[in-house]
Amino acid sequence: MYALLLGIILILLKYLEVGPVAGWSWWWVLSPFAVAVAWWAWADATGYTKRKAMEKMDQRKQDRIDKHKQALGMKARRPR
């Protein structure tokens, strides 16, 4: 995500001809997008994206369970 944001900023700087970025080659300006594509390909291929989504879902589930237990006056489960 940071590479994508950096790429957008560099394109704006190149287009508006601001600072030293105006003299850079377009290859350097567009390189953060290649890095972002490589990152997303790696994250999807290794299961990183799915694992992070499952961890987030599990945490939300556990928070919801703890909230309901607290509302019932039960002690919430301690993390393992």
C-alpha atoms as a PDB file:
ATOM      1  CA  MET A   1       0.000   0.000   0.000  1.00  0.00           C
ATOM      2  CA  TYR A   2       2.868   2.357   0.767  1.00  0.00           C
ATOM      3  CA  ALA A   3       4.420   1.687  -2.636  1.00  0.00           C
ATOM      4  CA  LEU A   4       1.140   2.523  -4.340  1.00  0.00           C
ATOM      5  CA  LEU A   5       0.849   5.788  -2.412  1.00  0.00           C
ATOM      6  CA  LEU A   6       4.470   6.658  -3.217  1.00  0.00           C
ATOM      7  CA  GLY A   7       3.838   5.948  -6.904  1.00  0.00           C
ATOM      8  CA  ILE A   8       0.840   8.271  -6.986  1.00  0.00           C
ATOM      9  CA  ILE A   9       2.804  11.042  -5.284  1.00  0.00           C
ATOM     10  CA  LEU A  10       5.723  10.612  -7.696  1.00  0.00           C
ATOM     11  CA  ILE A  11       3.406  10.739 -10.715  1.00  0.00           C
ATOM     12  CA  LEU A  12       1.876  13.974  -9.437  1.00  0.00           C
ATOM     13  CA  LEU A  13       5.306  15.479  -8.838  1.00  0.00           C
ATOM     14  CA  LYS A  14       6.502  14.423 -12.301  1.00  0.00           C
ATOM     15  CA  TYR A  15       3.341  15.686 -14.017  1.00  0.00           C
ATOM     16  CA  LEU A  16       3.451  19.031 -12.224  1.00  0.00           C
ATOM     17  CA  GLU A  17       7.238  19.229 -12.746  1.00  0.00           C
ATOM     18  CA  VAL A  18       8.006  19.815  -9.081  1.00  0.00           C
ATOM     19  CA  GLY A  19      11.531  19.563  -7.681  1.00  0.00           C
ATOM     20  CA  PRO A  20      14.080  16.989  -8.752  1.00  0.00           C
ATOM     21  CA  VAL A  21      11.372  14.490  -9.714  1.00  0.00           C
ATOM     22  CA  ALA A  22      10.732  16.506 -12.889  1.00  0.00           C
ATOM     23  CA  GLY A  23      14.120  15.430 -14.235  1.00  0.00           C
ATOM     24  CA  TRP A  24      13.757  11.750 -13.371  1.00  0.00           C
ATOM     25  CA  SER A  25      13.051   9.131 -15.964  1.00  0.00           C
ATOM     26  CA  TRP A  26       9.493   7.769 -16.109  1.00  0.00           C
ATOM     27  CA  TRP A  27      10.923   4.331 -15.269  1.00  0.00           C
ATOM     28  CA  TRP A  28      11.944   5.582 -11.824  1.00  0.00           C
ATOM     29  CA  VAL A  29       8.640   7.344 -11.297  1.00  0.00           C
ATOM     30  CA  LEU A  30       6.614   4.238 -12.185  1.00  0.00           C
ATOM     31  CA  SER A  31       8.822   1.738 -10.332  1.00  0.00           C
ATOM     32  CA  PRO A  32       6.786   1.862  -7.062  1.00  0.00           C
ATOM     33  CA  PHE A  33       3.833   0.417  -9.001  1.00  0.00           C
ATOM     34  CA  ALA A  34       5.977  -2.545 -10.052  1.00  0.00           C
ATOM     35  CA  VAL A  35       6.964  -3.039  -6.414  1.00  0.00           C
ATOM     36  CA  ALA A  36       3.280  -2.955  -5.391  1.00  0.00           C
ATOM     37  CA  VAL A  37       2.360  -5.539  -8.026  1.00  0.00           C
ATOM     38  CA  ALA A  38       5.222  -7.787  -6.904  1.00  0.00           C
ATOM     39  CA  TRP A  39       4.128  -7.445  -3.256  1.00  0.00           C
ATOM     40  CA  TRP A  40       0.504  -8.325  -4.037  1.00  0.00           C
ATOM     41  CA  ALA A  41       1.565 -11.300  -6.168  1.00  0.00           C
ATOM     42  CA  TRP A  42       3.783 -12.603  -3.352  1.00  0.00           C
ATOM     43  CA  ALA A  43       1.135 -11.983  -0.672  1.00  0.00           C
ATOM     44  CA  ASP A  44      -1.525 -13.840  -2.655  1.00  0.00           C
ATOM     45  CA  ALA A  45       0.790 -16.689  -3.649  1.00  0.00           C
ATOM     46  CA  THR A  46       1.986 -17.373  -0.096  1.00  0.00           C
ATOM     47  CA  GLY A  47      -1.417 -17.006   1.558  1.00  0.00           C
ATOM     48  CA  TYR A  48      -0.363 -13.943   3.564  1.00  0.00           C
ATOM     49  CA  THR A  49      -3.488 -12.006   2.595  1.00  0.00           C
ATOM     50  CA  LYS A  50      -5.854 -14.822   3.525  1.00  0.00           C
ATOM     51  CA  ARG A  51      -4.048 -15.494   6.810  1.00  0.00           C
ATOM     52  CA  LYS A  52      -4.284 -11.830   7.849  1.00  0.00           C
ATOM     53  CA  ALA A  53      -7.988 -11.737   6.959  1.00  0.00           C
ATOM     54  CA  MET A  54      -8.622 -14.878   9.025  1.00  0.00           C
ATOM     55  CA  GLU A  55      -6.693 -13.458  12.003  1.00  0.00           C
ATOM     56  CA  LYS A  56      -8.758 -10.282  11.847  1.00  0.00           C
ATOM     57  CA  MET A  57     -11.989 -12.262  11.656  1.00  0.00           C
ATOM     58  CA  ASP A  58     -10.950 -14.487  14.575  1.00  0.00           C
ATOM     59  CA  GLN A  59     -10.077 -11.437  16.677  1.00  0.00           C
ATOM     60  CA  ARG A  60     -13.452  -9.826  15.957  1.00  0.00           C
ATOM     61  CA  LYS A  61     -15.174 -13.088  16.874  1.00  0.00           C
ATOM     62  CA  GLN A  62     -13.264 -13.351  20.156  1.00  0.00           C
ATOM     63  CA  ASP A  63     -13.975  -9.703  20.999  1.00  0.00           C
ATOM     64  CA  ARG A  64     -17.678 -10.300  20.401  1.00  0.00           C
ATOM     65  CA  ILE A  65     -17.657 -13.409  22.626  1.00  0.00           C
ATOM     66  CA  ASP A  66     -15.812 -11.543  25.394  1.00  0.00           C
ATOM     67  CA  LYS A  67     -18.278  -8.644  25.168  1.00  0.00           C
ATOM     68  CA  HIS A  68     -21.250 -10.996  25.543  1.00  0.00           C
ATOM     69  CA  LYS A  69     -19.635 -12.835  28.442  1.00  0.00           C
ATOM     70  CA  GLN A  70     -18.961  -9.551  30.187  1.00  0.00           C
ATOM     71  CA  ALA A  71     -22.591  -8.505  29.656  1.00  0.00           C
ATOM     72  CA  LEU A  72     -23.689 -11.773  31.286  1.00  0.00           C
ATOM     73  CA  GLY A  73     -21.333 -11.187  34.204  1.00  0.00           C
ATOM     74  CA  MET A  74     -19.008 -14.036  33.266  1.00  0.00           C
ATOM     75  CA  LYS A  75     -15.256 -13.775  33.293  1.00  0.00           C
ATOM     76  CA  ALA A  76     -13.736 -13.255  29.836  1.00  0.00           C
ATOM     77  CA  ARG A  77     -11.280 -15.835  28.580  1.00  0.00           C
ATOM     78  CA  ARG A  78      -7.633 -14.956  29.024  1.00  0.00           C
ATOM     79  CA  PRO A  79      -5.459 -15.056  25.896  1.00  0.00           C
ATOM     80  CA  ARG A  80      -3.403 -18.182  25.475  1.00  0.00           C
END
